[in-house]
């Protein structure tokens, strides 16, 4: 599992984020405090506080994680 912090603070970013995640056949979770939602669920994402960075858990092999990280680079907080 790979963990990164993402910033998806607008409606357009959320739509784009979910579309980018849908390209991959692995699981993604968004974690904010004690709340965990499926990152491929637009409704789940909108139930979270998007004004702050959110932790993204990527459930993928290490070999594939670089490809996923590069595709999500515009959302990742460095």
C-alpha atoms as a PDB file:
ATOM      1  CA  UNK A   1       0.000   0.000   0.000  1.00  0.00           C
ATOM      2  CA  UNK A   2       1.172   3.507  -0.853  1.00  0.00           C
ATOM      3  CA  UNK A   3      -0.047   6.560   1.065  1.00  0.00           C
ATOM      4  CA  UNK A   4      -0.060  10.144  -0.281  1.00  0.00           C
ATOM      5  CA  UNK A   5      -1.892  13.352   0.607  1.00  0.00           C
ATOM      6  CA  UNK A   6      -4.105  14.872  -2.077  1.00  0.00           C
ATOM      7  CA  UNK A   7      -5.878  18.169  -2.599  1.00  0.00           C
ATOM      8  CA  UNK A   8      -9.244  17.899  -4.378  1.00  0.00           C
ATOM      9  CA  UNK A   9     -10.923  21.102  -3.245  1.00  0.00           C
ATOM     10  CA  UNK A  10     -13.265  21.827  -6.168  1.00  0.00           C
ATOM     11  CA  UNK A  11     -16.067  20.064  -8.021  1.00  0.00           C
ATOM     12  CA  UNK A  12     -14.055  19.923 -11.244  1.00  0.00           C
ATOM     13  CA  UNK A  13     -11.046  18.451  -9.442  1.00  0.00           C
ATOM     14  CA  UNK A  14     -13.226  15.758  -7.851  1.00  0.00           C
ATOM     15  CA  UNK A  15     -14.695  14.757 -11.234  1.00  0.00           C
ATOM     16  CA  UNK A  16     -11.271  14.657 -12.839  1.00  0.00           C
ATOM     17  CA  UNK A  17      -9.797  12.767  -9.862  1.00  0.00           C
ATOM     18  CA  UNK A  18     -12.465  10.038  -9.991  1.00  0.00           C
ATOM     19  CA  UNK A  19     -12.065   9.694 -13.774  1.00  0.00           C
ATOM     20  CA  UNK A  20      -8.290   9.321 -13.370  1.00  0.00           C
ATOM     21  CA  UNK A  21      -8.730   6.656 -10.672  1.00  0.00           C
ATOM     22  CA  UNK A  22     -11.216   4.709 -12.804  1.00  0.00           C
ATOM     23  CA  UNK A  23      -8.415   3.941 -15.265  1.00  0.00           C
ATOM     24  CA  UNK A  24      -6.753   1.666 -12.721  1.00  0.00           C
ATOM     25  CA  UNK A  25      -7.902  -1.779 -11.607  1.00  0.00           C
ATOM     26  CA  UNK A  26      -6.994  -1.415  -7.935  1.00  0.00           C
ATOM     27  CA  UNK A  27      -8.566  -0.061  -4.770  1.00  0.00           C
ATOM     28  CA  UNK A  28      -8.222   3.494  -3.477  1.00  0.00           C
ATOM     29  CA  UNK A  29      -9.403   4.799  -0.101  1.00  0.00           C
ATOM     30  CA  UNK A  30      -9.659   8.400   1.059  1.00  0.00           C
ATOM     31  CA  UNK A  31      -9.071   8.887   4.788  1.00  0.00           C
ATOM     32  CA  UNK A  32      -9.974  11.989   6.779  1.00  0.00           C
ATOM     33  CA  UNK A  33      -9.769  11.494  10.541  1.00  0.00           C
ATOM     34  CA  UNK A  34     -11.769   8.391  11.312  1.00  0.00           C
ATOM     35  CA  UNK A  35     -13.756   8.481   8.066  1.00  0.00           C
ATOM     36  CA  UNK A  36     -12.781   6.228   5.157  1.00  0.00           C
ATOM     37  CA  UNK A  37     -14.527   6.310   1.770  1.00  0.00           C
ATOM     38  CA  UNK A  38     -13.961   4.633  -1.581  1.00  0.00           C
ATOM     39  CA  UNK A  39     -11.969   7.155  -3.630  1.00  0.00           C
ATOM     40  CA  UNK A  40     -13.767   6.060  -6.823  1.00  0.00           C
ATOM     41  CA  UNK A  41     -17.106   7.210  -5.343  1.00  0.00           C
ATOM     42  CA  UNK A  42     -18.045  10.796  -6.145  1.00  0.00           C
ATOM     43  CA  UNK A  43     -20.800  10.737  -3.516  1.00  0.00           C
ATOM     44  CA  UNK A  44     -18.368   9.416  -0.922  1.00  0.00           C
ATOM     45  CA  UNK A  45     -15.850  12.142  -1.705  1.00  0.00           C
ATOM     46  CA  UNK A  46     -18.465  14.888  -1.419  1.00  0.00           C
ATOM     47  CA  UNK A  47     -19.353  13.624   2.064  1.00  0.00           C
ATOM     48  CA  UNK A  48     -15.849  14.624   3.225  1.00  0.00           C
ATOM     49  CA  UNK A  49     -14.368  17.999   4.178  1.00  0.00           C
ATOM     50  CA  UNK A  50     -12.565  18.940   0.949  1.00  0.00           C
ATOM     51  CA  UNK A  51     -11.152  22.202   2.288  1.00  0.00           C
ATOM     52  CA  UNK A  52      -8.225  20.285   3.828  1.00  0.00           C
ATOM     53  CA  UNK A  53      -5.769  17.802   2.303  1.00  0.00           C
ATOM     54  CA  UNK A  54      -6.993  14.201   2.411  1.00  0.00           C
ATOM     55  CA  UNK A  55      -4.944  11.026   2.749  1.00  0.00           C
ATOM     56  CA  UNK A  56      -5.161   8.666  -0.240  1.00  0.00           C
ATOM     57  CA  UNK A  57      -4.373   4.992   0.370  1.00  0.00           C
ATOM     58  CA  UNK A  58      -3.449   3.208  -2.852  1.00  0.00           C
ATOM     59  CA  UNK A  59      -3.770  -0.572  -2.641  1.00  0.00           C
ATOM     60  CA  UNK A  60      -1.401  -1.619  -5.413  1.00  0.00           C
ATOM     61  CA  UNK A  61       1.869  -3.513  -5.843  1.00  0.00           C
ATOM     62  CA  UNK A  62       5.070  -1.503  -5.568  1.00  0.00           C
ATOM     63  CA  UNK A  63       5.803  -2.147  -9.257  1.00  0.00           C
ATOM     64  CA  UNK A  64       2.556  -0.463 -10.309  1.00  0.00           C
ATOM     65  CA  UNK A  65       2.620   2.342  -7.735  1.00  0.00           C
ATOM     66  CA  UNK A  66       4.922   4.566  -9.817  1.00  0.00           C
ATOM     67  CA  UNK A  67       2.459   4.534 -12.716  1.00  0.00           C
ATOM     68  CA  UNK A  68      -0.447   5.412 -10.412  1.00  0.00           C
ATOM     69  CA  UNK A  69       1.526   8.149  -8.644  1.00  0.00           C
ATOM     70  CA  UNK A  70       2.558   9.754 -11.923  1.00  0.00           C
ATOM     71  CA  UNK A  71      -1.054   9.754 -13.171  1.00  0.00           C
ATOM     72  CA  UNK A  72      -2.223  11.428  -9.949  1.00  0.00           C
ATOM     73  CA  UNK A  73       0.673  13.878  -9.695  1.00  0.00           C
ATOM     74  CA  UNK A  74      -1.505  16.983 -10.183  1.00  0.00           C
ATOM     75  CA  UNK A  75      -3.513  16.148  -7.028  1.00  0.00           C
ATOM     76  CA  UNK A  76      -0.637  15.085  -4.764  1.00  0.00           C
ATOM     77  CA  UNK A  77       0.664  17.513  -2.167  1.00  0.00           C
ATOM     78  CA  UNK A  78       4.440  17.445  -2.045  1.00  0.00           C
END
